[in-house]
Structure formats: structure tokens, C-alpha cells
């Protein structure tokens, strides 16, 4: 029953947020589970464990940050962006006819 609930949860995450976000969530869940395991069962945490946890955290944070490929990128309102895209399509249609 627990496996079924877990599978439904993962498939729902994929449907709602996409595969990349689901992968980040499952990776973060594994990292938290591992950290709790070390805290609850008082295992010795080595330098390599801390380094791995830091790298996983940095990877998740960097993936969540927005990417701007253009240097002078100015965010536009959705309506303005749609109007520009429609204008570009009309220009392309006219150029194809000429």
C-alpha cells in the first residue's frame, strides 16, 4: 500500500510540475532522509558526508535559480509578449508570400 501511495505521489508531481522538478524533489527527500538517519542513529559523520550534502544542496539551489540567456534581458508582461509573437508570425507569413 505504501508503494502504491508513493508511486501515485511521484506520478502526480510529474503531471503537475514536470520531470525536472520531481527529480529535484525526490533528490532533496533522499538527502533529508539521509541527514535524519545520521541525526537519529548517531553515526559518525565524516568530512565526505558533509561535502556530499553540501554539493547536493548547491545543485538544487542552482537549478532553482532562473536562467537569463540574454545579457540585456527585460522581463515582459505576458500580454505584451503574446502581441509581439503574433506580430512576428504575421511578418513571417507576408515574407513567405513575396
PDB file of N, CA and C in Angstrom:
ATOM      1  N   UNK A   1       0.829  -1.193   0.000  1.00  0.00           N
ATOM      2  CA  UNK A   1       0.000   0.000   0.000  1.00  0.00           C
ATOM      3  C   UNK A   1       0.876   1.261   0.000  1.00  0.00           C
ATOM      4  N   UNK A   2       1.955   1.228   0.784  1.00  0.00           N
ATOM      5  CA  UNK A   2       2.850   2.380   0.842  1.00  0.00           C
ATOM      6  C   UNK A   2       3.522   2.623  -0.510  1.00  0.00           C
ATOM      7  N   UNK A   3       3.884   1.549  -1.199  1.00  0.00           N
ATOM      8  CA  UNK A   3       4.497   1.678  -2.524  1.00  0.00           C
ATOM      9  C   UNK A   3       3.528   2.309  -3.510  1.00  0.00           C
ATOM     10  N   UNK A   4       2.274   1.896  -3.453  1.00  0.00           N
ATOM     11  CA  UNK A   4       1.250   2.454  -4.337  1.00  0.00           C
ATOM     12  C   UNK A   4       1.083   3.957  -4.094  1.00  0.00           C
ATOM     13  N   UNK A   5       1.006   4.356  -2.836  1.00  0.00           N
ATOM     14  CA  UNK A   5       0.857   5.775  -2.491  1.00  0.00           C
ATOM     15  C   UNK A   5       2.085   6.563  -2.961  1.00  0.00           C
ATOM     16  N   UNK A   6       3.270   5.987  -2.786  1.00  0.00           N
ATOM     17  CA  UNK A   6       4.492   6.648  -3.239  1.00  0.00           C
ATOM     18  C   UNK A   6       4.523   6.835  -4.745  1.00  0.00           C
ATOM     19  N   UNK A   7       4.121   5.806  -5.481  1.00  0.00           N
ATOM     20  CA  UNK A   7       4.104   5.894  -6.943  1.00  0.00           C
ATOM     21  C   UNK A   7       3.088   6.922  -7.426  1.00  0.00           C
ATOM     22  N   UNK A   8       1.916   6.935  -6.819  1.00  0.00           N
ATOM     23  CA  UNK A   8       0.891   7.910  -7.192  1.00  0.00           C
ATOM     24  C   UNK A   8       1.390   9.327  -6.898  1.00  0.00           C
ATOM     25  N   UNK A   9       2.077   9.492  -5.777  1.00  0.00           N
ATOM     26  CA  UNK A   9       2.612  10.813  -5.432  1.00  0.00           C
ATOM     27  C   UNK A   9       3.630  11.288  -6.459  1.00  0.00           C
ATOM     28  N   UNK A  10       4.545  10.412  -6.840  1.00  0.00           N
ATOM     29  CA  UNK A  10       5.568  10.783  -7.821  1.00  0.00           C
ATOM     30  C   UNK A  10       4.940  11.079  -9.182  1.00  0.00           C
ATOM     31  N   UNK A  11       4.004  10.255  -9.612  1.00  0.00           N
ATOM     32  CA  UNK A  11       3.345  10.491 -10.901  1.00  0.00           C
ATOM     33  C   UNK A  11       2.526  11.789 -10.889  1.00  0.00           C
ATOM     34  N   UNK A  12       1.918  12.101  -9.759  1.00  0.00           N
ATOM     35  CA  UNK A  12       1.185  13.360  -9.641  1.00  0.00           C
ATOM     36  C   UNK A  12       2.132  14.552  -9.708  1.00  0.00           C
ATOM     37  N   UNK A  13       3.285  14.433  -9.041  1.00  0.00           N
ATOM     38  CA  UNK A  13       4.280  15.510  -9.117  1.00  0.00           C
ATOM     39  C   UNK A  13       4.743  15.732 -10.557  1.00  0.00           C
ATOM     40  N   UNK A  14       4.974  14.649 -11.279  1.00  0.00           N
ATOM     41  CA  UNK A  14       5.401  14.769 -12.676  1.00  0.00           C
ATOM     42  C   UNK A  14       4.322  15.450 -13.502  1.00  0.00           C
ATOM     43  N   UNK A  15       3.071  15.066 -13.298  1.00  0.00           N
ATOM     44  CA  UNK A  15       1.972  15.648 -14.071  1.00  0.00           C
ATOM     45  C   UNK A  15       1.789  17.121 -13.771  1.00  0.00           C
ATOM     46  N   UNK A  16       1.968  17.522 -12.530  1.00  0.00           N
ATOM     47  CA  UNK A  16       1.715  18.914 -12.140  1.00  0.00           C
ATOM     48  C   UNK A  16       2.927  19.808 -12.399  1.00  0.00           C
ATOM     49  N   UNK A  17       4.113  19.376 -11.981  1.00  0.00           N
ATOM     50  CA  UNK A  17       5.282  20.249 -12.014  1.00  0.00           C
ATOM     51  C   UNK A  17       6.317  19.889 -13.068  1.00  0.00           C
ATOM     52  N   UNK A  18       6.260  18.699 -13.642  1.00  0.00           N
ATOM     53  CA  UNK A  18       7.244  18.302 -14.644  1.00  0.00           C
ATOM     54  C   UNK A  18       8.291  17.366 -14.060  1.00  0.00           C
ATOM     55  N   UNK A  19       9.033  16.737 -14.962  1.00  0.00           N
ATOM     56  CA  UNK A  19      10.002  15.719 -14.558  1.00  0.00           C
ATOM     57  C   UNK A  19      11.210  16.307 -13.824  1.00  0.00           C
ATOM     58  N   UNK A  20      11.683  17.465 -14.268  1.00  0.00           N
ATOM     59  CA  UNK A  20      12.882  18.050 -13.643  1.00  0.00           C
ATOM     60  C   UNK A  20      12.613  18.422 -12.189  1.00  0.00           C
ATOM     61  N   UNK A  21      11.486  19.058 -11.945  1.00  0.00           N
ATOM     62  CA  UNK A  21      11.138  19.446 -10.574  1.00  0.00           C
ATOM     63  C   UNK A  21      10.933  18.215  -9.705  1.00  0.00           C
ATOM     64  N   UNK A  22      10.300  17.187 -10.257  1.00  0.00           N
ATOM     65  CA  UNK A  22      10.087  15.948  -9.500  1.00  0.00           C
ATOM     66  C   UNK A  22      11.423  15.308  -9.142  1.00  0.00           C
ATOM     67  N   UNK A  23      12.372  15.325 -10.065  1.00  0.00           N
ATOM     68  CA  UNK A  23      13.694  14.759  -9.776  1.00  0.00           C
ATOM     69  C   UNK A  23      14.372  15.526  -8.645  1.00  0.00           C
ATOM     70  N   UNK A  24      14.234  16.852  -8.658  1.00  0.00           N
ATOM     71  CA  UNK A  24      14.831  17.655  -7.583  1.00  0.00           C
ATOM     72  C   UNK A  24      14.163  17.355  -6.240  1.00  0.00           C
ATOM     73  N   UNK A  25      12.846  17.202  -6.242  1.00  0.00           N
ATOM     74  CA  UNK A  25      12.123  16.920  -5.002  1.00  0.00           C
ATOM     75  C   UNK A  25      12.531  15.558  -4.443  1.00  0.00           C
ATOM     76  N   UNK A  26      12.610  14.556  -5.305  1.00  0.00           N
ATOM     77  CA  UNK A  26      12.992  13.226  -4.817  1.00  0.00           C
ATOM     78  C   UNK A  26      14.443  13.200  -4.329  1.00  0.00           C
ATOM     79  N   UNK A  27      15.315  13.944  -4.990  1.00  0.00           N
ATOM     80  CA  UNK A  27      16.709  14.019  -4.542  1.00  0.00           C
ATOM     81  C   UNK A  27      16.799  14.727  -3.196  1.00  0.00           C
ATOM     82  N   UNK A  28      16.041  15.816  -3.044  1.00  0.00           N
ATOM     83  CA  UNK A  28      16.036  16.536  -1.768  1.00  0.00           C
ATOM     84  C   UNK A  28      15.467  15.654  -0.660  1.00  0.00           C
ATOM     85  N   UNK A  29      14.435  14.874  -0.977  1.00  0.00           N
ATOM     86  CA  UNK A  29      13.849  13.966   0.014  1.00  0.00           C
ATOM     87  C   UNK A  29      14.875  12.931   0.472  1.00  0.00           C
ATOM     88  N   UNK A  30      15.633  12.394  -0.482  1.00  0.00           N
ATOM     89  CA  UNK A  30      16.658  11.405  -0.127  1.00  0.00           C
ATOM     90  C   UNK A  30      17.737  12.034   0.746  1.00  0.00           C
ATOM     91  N   UNK A  31      18.128  13.262   0.427  1.00  0.00           N
ATOM     92  CA  UNK A  31      19.163  13.943   1.211  1.00  0.00           C
ATOM     93  C   UNK A  31      18.679  14.201   2.636  1.00  0.00           C
ATOM     94  N   UNK A  32      17.426  14.629   2.774  1.00  0.00           N
ATOM     95  CA  UNK A  32      16.879  14.881   4.111  1.00  0.00           C
ATOM     96  C   UNK A  32      16.756  13.570   4.892  1.00  0.00           C
ATOM     97  N   UNK A  33      16.330  12.507   4.225  1.00  0.00           N
ATOM     98  CA  UNK A  33      16.222  11.202   4.879  1.00  0.00           C
ATOM     99  C   UNK A  33      17.591  10.736   5.372  1.00  0.00           C
ATOM    100  N   UNK A  34      18.607  10.916   4.556  1.00  0.00           N
ATOM    101  CA  UNK A  34      19.958  10.528   4.951  1.00  0.00           C
ATOM    102  C   UNK A  34      20.443  11.349   6.140  1.00  0.00           C
ATOM    103  N   UNK A  35      20.190  12.656   6.098  1.00  0.00           N
ATOM    104  CA  UNK A  35      20.605  13.527   7.199  1.00  0.00           C
ATOM    105  C   UNK A  35      19.891  13.142   8.493  1.00  0.00           C
ATOM    106  N   UNK A  36      18.581  12.891   8.408  1.00  0.00           N
ATOM    107  CA  UNK A  36      17.834  12.471   9.604  1.00  0.00           C
ATOM    108  C   UNK A  36      18.341  11.130  10.136  1.00  0.00           C
ATOM    109  N   UNK A  37      18.735  10.249   9.236  1.00  0.00           N
ATOM    110  CA  UNK A  37      19.281   8.971   9.652  1.00  0.00           C
ATOM    111  C   UNK A  37      20.548   9.159  10.493  1.00  0.00           C
ATOM    112  N   UNK A  38      21.398  10.070  10.066  1.00  0.00           N
ATOM    113  CA  UNK A  38      22.622  10.325  10.819  1.00  0.00           C
ATOM    114  C   UNK A  38      22.335  11.009  12.142  1.00  0.00           C
ATOM    115  N   UNK A  39      21.311  11.858  12.178  1.00  0.00           N
ATOM    116  CA  UNK A  39      20.994  12.543  13.426  1.00  0.00           C
ATOM    117  C   UNK A  39      20.308  11.609  14.424  1.00  0.00           C
ATOM    118  N   UNK A  40      19.417  10.755  13.952  1.00  0.00           N
ATOM    119  CA  UNK A  40      18.662   9.878  14.851  1.00  0.00           C
ATOM    120  C   UNK A  40      19.527   8.735  15.373  1.00  0.00           C
ATOM    121  N   UNK A  41      20.315   8.105  14.520  1.00  0.00           N
ATOM    122  CA  UNK A  41      21.076   6.925  14.920  1.00  0.00           C
ATOM    123  C   UNK A  41      22.519   7.246  15.308  1.00  0.00           C
ATOM    124  N   UNK A  42      22.862   8.491  15.419  1.00  0.00           N
ATOM    125  CA  UNK A  42      24.173   8.988  15.886  1.00  0.00           C
ATOM    126  C   UNK A  42      25.353   8.238  15.271  1.00  0.00           C
ATOM    127  N   UNK A  43      25.372   8.158  13.956  1.00  0.00           N
ATOM    128  CA  UNK A  43      26.531   7.609  13.254  1.00  0.00           C
ATOM    129  C   UNK A  43      27.565   8.723  13.133  1.00  0.00           C
ATOM    130  N   UNK A  44      28.835   8.357  13.062  1.00  0.00           N
ATOM    131  CA  UNK A  44      29.836   9.413  12.864  1.00  0.00           C
ATOM    132  C   UNK A  44      29.727   9.991  11.449  1.00  0.00           C
ATOM    133  N   UNK A  45      29.623  11.307  11.357  1.00  0.00           N
ATOM    134  CA  UNK A  45      29.507  11.972  10.057  1.00  0.00           C
ATOM    135  C   UNK A  45      30.899  12.457   9.653  1.00  0.00           C
ATOM    136  N   UNK A  46      31.384  11.927   8.560  1.00  0.00           N
ATOM    137  CA  UNK A  46      32.733  12.281   8.117  1.00  0.00           C
ATOM    138  C   UNK A  46      32.708  13.530   7.249  1.00  0.00           C
ATOM    139  N   UNK A  47      33.884  13.973   6.891  1.00  0.00           N
ATOM    140  CA  UNK A  47      34.034  15.148   6.029  1.00  0.00           C
ATOM    141  C   UNK A  47      33.429  14.884   4.651  1.00  0.00           C
ATOM    142  N   UNK A  48      33.527  13.681   4.171  1.00  0.00           N
ATOM    143  CA  UNK A  48      32.965  13.327   2.865  1.00  0.00           C
ATOM    144  C   UNK A  48      31.438  13.409   2.878  1.00  0.00           C
ATOM    145  N   UNK A  49      30.819  13.014   3.973  1.00  0.00           N
ATOM    146  CA  UNK A  49      29.367  13.128   4.086  1.00  0.00           C
ATOM    147  C   UNK A  49      28.935  14.591   3.995  1.00  0.00           C
ATOM    148  N   UNK A  50      29.628  15.458   4.725  1.00  0.00           N
ATOM    149  CA  UNK A  50      29.294  16.891   4.719  1.00  0.00           C
ATOM    150  C   UNK A  50      29.502  17.487   3.330  1.00  0.00           C
ATOM    151  N   UNK A  51      30.573  17.101   2.668  1.00  0.00           N
ATOM    152  CA  UNK A  51      30.849  17.594   1.318  1.00  0.00           C
ATOM    153  C   UNK A  51      29.752  17.164   0.349  1.00  0.00           C
ATOM    154  N   UNK A  52      29.343  15.918   0.425  1.00  0.00           N
ATOM    155  CA  UNK A  52      28.276  15.418  -0.441  1.00  0.00           C
ATOM    156  C   UNK A  52      26.964  16.140  -0.203  1.00  0.00           C
ATOM    157  N   UNK A  53      26.618  16.354   1.060  1.00  0.00           N
ATOM    158  CA  UNK A  53      25.383  17.071   1.387  1.00  0.00           C
ATOM    159  C   UNK A  53      25.438  18.511   0.886  1.00  0.00           C
ATOM    160  N   UNK A  54      26.596  19.129   1.017  1.00  0.00           N
ATOM    161  CA  UNK A  54      26.762  20.497   0.520  1.00  0.00           C
ATOM    162  C   UNK A  54      26.621  20.554  -1.000  1.00  0.00           C
ATOM    163  N   UNK A  55      27.220  19.599  -1.703  1.00  0.00           N
ATOM    164  CA  UNK A  55      27.121  19.575  -3.165  1.00  0.00           C
ATOM    165  C   UNK A  55      25.688  19.343  -3.639  1.00  0.00           C
ATOM    166  N   UNK A  56      24.972  18.450  -2.980  1.00  0.00           N
ATOM    167  CA  UNK A  56      23.571  18.216  -3.342  1.00  0.00           C
ATOM    168  C   UNK A  56      22.748  19.475  -3.124  1.00  0.00           C
ATOM    169  N   UNK A  57      22.951  20.137  -1.990  1.00  0.00           N
ATOM    170  CA  UNK A  57      22.208  21.367  -1.692  1.00  0.00           C
ATOM    171  C   UNK A  57      22.517  22.455  -2.711  1.00  0.00           C
ATOM    172  N   UNK A  58      23.787  22.611  -3.052  1.00  0.00           N
ATOM    173  CA  UNK A  58      24.171  23.629  -4.032  1.00  0.00           C
ATOM    174  C   UNK A  58      23.562  23.337  -5.396  1.00  0.00           C
ATOM    175  N   UNK A  59      23.536  22.070  -5.795  1.00  0.00           N
ATOM    176  CA  UNK A  59      22.952  21.689  -7.080  1.00  0.00           C
ATOM    177  C   UNK A  59      21.473  22.016  -7.144  1.00  0.00           C
ATOM    178  N   UNK A  60      20.751  21.726  -6.075  1.00  0.00           N
ATOM    179  CA  UNK A  60      19.314  22.013  -6.046  1.00  0.00           C
ATOM    180  C   UNK A  60      19.072  23.512  -6.082  1.00  0.00           C
ATOM    181  N   UNK A  61      19.834  24.263  -5.319  1.00  0.00           N
ATOM    182  CA  UNK A  61      19.661  25.730  -5.290  1.00  0.00           C
ATOM    183  C   UNK A  61      19.989  26.333  -6.653  1.00  0.00           C
ATOM    184  N   UNK A  62      21.071  25.896  -7.282  1.00  0.00           N
ATOM    185  CA  UNK A  62      21.439  26.432  -8.594  1.00  0.00           C
ATOM    186  C   UNK A  62      20.393  26.093  -9.655  1.00  0.00           C
ATOM    187  N   UNK A  63      19.783  24.932  -9.552  1.00  0.00           N
ATOM    188  CA  UNK A  63      18.752  24.545 -10.517  1.00  0.00           C
ATOM    189  C   UNK A  63      17.485  25.377 -10.337  1.00  0.00           C
ATOM    190  N   UNK A  64      17.215  25.815  -9.130  1.00  0.00           N
ATOM    191  CA  UNK A  64      16.018  26.607  -8.865  1.00  0.00           C
ATOM    192  C   UNK A  64      16.174  28.069  -9.304  1.00  0.00           C
ATOM    193  N   UNK A  65      17.414  28.548  -9.416  1.00  0.00           N
ATOM    194  CA  UNK A  65      17.630  29.932  -9.829  1.00  0.00           C
ATOM    195  C   UNK A  65      17.249  30.111 -11.294  1.00  0.00           C
ATOM    196  N   UNK A  66      16.635  31.256 -11.628  1.00  0.00           N
ATOM    197  CA  UNK A  66      16.251  31.470 -13.032  1.00  0.00           C
ATOM    198  C   UNK A  66      17.478  31.693 -13.906  1.00  0.00           C
ATOM    199  N   UNK A  67      17.337  31.295 -15.177  1.00  0.00           N
ATOM    200  CA  UNK A  67      18.427  31.484 -16.136  1.00  0.00           C
ATOM    201  C   UNK A  67      18.036  32.569 -17.126  1.00  0.00           C
ATOM    202  N   UNK A  68      18.924  33.509 -17.347  1.00  0.00           N
ATOM    203  CA  UNK A  68      18.709  34.551 -18.346  1.00  0.00           C
ATOM    204  C   UNK A  68      19.824  34.419 -19.371  1.00  0.00           C
ATOM    205  N   UNK A  69      19.475  33.990 -20.565  1.00  0.00           N
ATOM    206  CA  UNK A  69      20.486  33.746 -21.595  1.00  0.00           C
ATOM    207  C   UNK A  69      20.953  35.027 -22.259  1.00  0.00           C
ATOM    208  N   UNK A  70      20.066  36.007 -22.375  1.00  0.00           N
ATOM    209  CA  UNK A  70      20.441  37.270 -22.991  1.00  0.00           C
ATOM    210  C   UNK A  70      20.993  38.195 -21.921  1.00  0.00           C
ATOM    211  N   UNK A  71      21.996  38.979 -22.282  1.00  0.00           N
ATOM    212  CA  UNK A  71      22.609  39.876 -21.301  1.00  0.00           C
ATOM    213  C   UNK A  71      21.658  41.001 -20.895  1.00  0.00           C
ATOM    214  N   UNK A  72      20.954  41.571 -21.836  1.00  0.00           N
ATOM    215  CA  UNK A  72      20.057  42.699 -21.559  1.00  0.00           C
ATOM    216  C   UNK A  72      18.606  42.234 -21.528  1.00  0.00           C
ATOM    217  N   UNK A  73      18.356  41.158 -20.849  1.00  0.00           N
ATOM    218  CA  UNK A  73      17.014  40.589 -20.794  1.00  0.00           C
ATOM    219  C   UNK A  73      16.123  41.446 -19.903  1.00  0.00           C
ATOM    220  N   UNK A  74      14.973  41.847 -20.445  1.00  0.00           N
ATOM    221  CA  UNK A  74      13.995  42.612 -19.684  1.00  0.00           C
ATOM    222  C   UNK A  74      12.703  41.804 -19.672  1.00  0.00           C
ATOM    223  N   UNK A  75      12.248  41.376 -18.499  1.00  0.00           N
ATOM    224  CA  UNK A  75      11.009  40.605 -18.459  1.00  0.00           C
ATOM    225  C   UNK A  75       9.838  41.421 -18.981  1.00  0.00           C
ATOM    226  N   UNK A  76       8.981  40.790 -19.764  1.00  0.00           N
ATOM    227  CA  UNK A  76       7.828  41.467 -20.337  1.00  0.00           C
ATOM    228  C   UNK A  76       6.560  40.919 -19.727  1.00  0.00           C
ATOM    229  N   UNK A  77       5.513  41.718 -19.844  1.00  0.00           N
ATOM    230  CA  UNK A  77       4.215  41.246 -19.404  1.00  0.00           C
ATOM    231  C   UNK A  77       3.740  40.192 -20.396  1.00  0.00           C
ATOM    232  N   UNK A  78       2.987  39.190 -19.936  1.00  0.00           N
ATOM    233  CA  UNK A  78       2.540  38.127 -20.844  1.00  0.00           C
ATOM    234  C   UNK A  78       1.756  38.646 -22.043  1.00  0.00           C
ATOM    235  N   UNK A  79       0.894  39.649 -21.863  1.00  0.00           N
ATOM    236  CA  UNK A  79       0.092  40.167 -22.965  1.00  0.00           C
ATOM    237  C   UNK A  79       0.985  40.810 -24.025  1.00  0.00           C
ATOM    238  N   UNK A  80       1.978  41.580 -23.570  1.00  0.00           N
ATOM    239  CA  UNK A  80       2.895  42.250 -24.493  1.00  0.00           C
ATOM    240  C   UNK A  80       3.702  41.205 -25.270  1.00  0.00           C
ATOM    241  N   UNK A  81       4.126  40.147 -24.606  1.00  0.00           N
ATOM    242  CA  UNK A  81       4.906  39.103 -25.252  1.00  0.00           C
ATOM    243  C   UNK A  81       4.065  38.397 -26.320  1.00  0.00           C
ATOM    244  N   UNK A  82       2.796  38.127 -26.026  1.00  0.00           N
ATOM    245  CA  UNK A  82       1.919  37.475 -26.995  1.00  0.00           C
ATOM    246  C   UNK A  82       1.708  38.356 -28.223  1.00  0.00           C
ATOM    247  N   UNK A  83       1.534  39.660 -28.002  1.00  0.00           N
ATOM    248  CA  UNK A  83       1.337  40.573 -29.125  1.00  0.00           C
ATOM    249  C   UNK A  83       2.567  40.587 -30.020  1.00  0.00           C
ATOM    250  N   UNK A  84       3.757  40.575 -29.410  1.00  0.00           N
ATOM    251  CA  UNK A  84       4.991  40.575 -30.200  1.00  0.00           C
ATOM    252  C   UNK A  84       5.121  39.285 -31.001  1.00  0.00           C
ATOM    253  N   UNK A  85       4.773  38.147 -30.398  1.00  0.00           N
ATOM    254  CA  UNK A  85       4.859  36.874 -31.105  1.00  0.00           C
ATOM    255  C   UNK A  85       3.885  36.835 -32.280  1.00  0.00           C
ATOM    256  N   UNK A  86       2.670  37.375 -32.085  1.00  0.00           N
ATOM    257  CA  UNK A  86       1.694  37.403 -33.167  1.00  0.00           C
ATOM    258  C   UNK A  86       2.180  38.297 -34.307  1.00  0.00           C
ATOM    259  N   UNK A  87       2.803  39.427 -33.955  1.00  0.00           N
ATOM    260  CA  UNK A  87       3.346  40.324 -34.971  1.00  0.00           C
ATOM    261  C   UNK A  87       4.450  39.659 -35.776  1.00  0.00           C
ATOM    262  N   UNK A  88       5.286  38.876 -35.110  1.00  0.00           N
ATOM    263  CA  UNK A  88       6.377  38.180 -35.797  1.00  0.00           C
ATOM    264  C   UNK A  88       5.815  37.128 -36.751  1.00  0.00           C
ATOM    265  N   UNK A  89       4.749  36.435 -36.329  1.00  0.00           N
ATOM    266  CA  UNK A  89       4.150  35.413 -37.184  1.00  0.00           C
ATOM    267  C   UNK A  89       3.569  36.042 -38.450  1.00  0.00           C
ATOM    268  N   UNK A  90       2.923  37.210 -38.289  1.00  0.00           N
ATOM    269  CA  UNK A  90       2.348  37.891 -39.455  1.00  0.00           C
ATOM    270  C   UNK A  90       3.447  38.314 -40.427  1.00  0.00           C
ATOM    271  N   UNK A  91       4.554  38.808 -39.903  1.00  0.00           N
ATOM    272  CA  UNK A  91       5.664  39.214 -40.754  1.00  0.00           C
ATOM    273  C   UNK A  91       6.229  38.011 -41.513  1.00  0.00           C
ATOM    274  N   UNK A  92       6.352  36.892 -40.843  1.00  0.00           N
ATOM    275  CA  UNK A  92       6.885  35.694 -41.496  1.00  0.00           C
ATOM    276  C   UNK A  92       5.947  35.206 -42.594  1.00  0.00           C
ATOM    277  N   UNK A  93       4.624  35.307 -42.360  1.00  0.00           N
ATOM    278  CA  UNK A  93       3.668  34.879 -43.365  1.00  0.00           C
ATOM    279  C   UNK A  93       3.757  35.769 -44.601  1.00  0.00           C
ATOM    280  N   UNK A  94       3.878  37.082 -44.388  1.00  0.00           N
ATOM    281  CA  UNK A  94       3.980  38.017 -45.509  1.00  0.00           C
ATOM    282  C   UNK A  94       5.264  37.783 -46.292  1.00  0.00           C
ATOM    283  N   UNK A  95       6.349  37.511 -45.585  1.00  0.00           N
ATOM    284  CA  UNK A  95       7.628  37.293 -46.267  1.00  0.00           C
ATOM    285  C   UNK A  95       7.574  36.018 -47.104  1.00  0.00           C
ATOM    286  N   UNK A  96       6.854  35.014 -46.650  1.00  0.00           N
ATOM    287  CA  UNK A  96       6.774  33.760 -47.386  1.00  0.00           C
ATOM    288  C   UNK A  96       5.982  33.928 -48.684  1.00  0.00           C
ATOM    289  N   UNK A  97       5.026  34.832 -48.695  1.00  0.00           N
ATOM    290  CA  UNK A  97       4.185  35.051 -49.880  1.00  0.00           C
ATOM    291  C   UNK A  97       4.893  35.868 -50.944  1.00  0.00           C
ATOM    292  N   UNK A  98       5.844  36.669 -50.564  1.00  0.00           N
ATOM    293  CA  UNK A  98       6.511  37.557 -51.524  1.00  0.00           C
ATOM    294  C   UNK A  98       7.518  36.847 -52.349  1.00  0.00           C
TER     295      UNK A  98
END
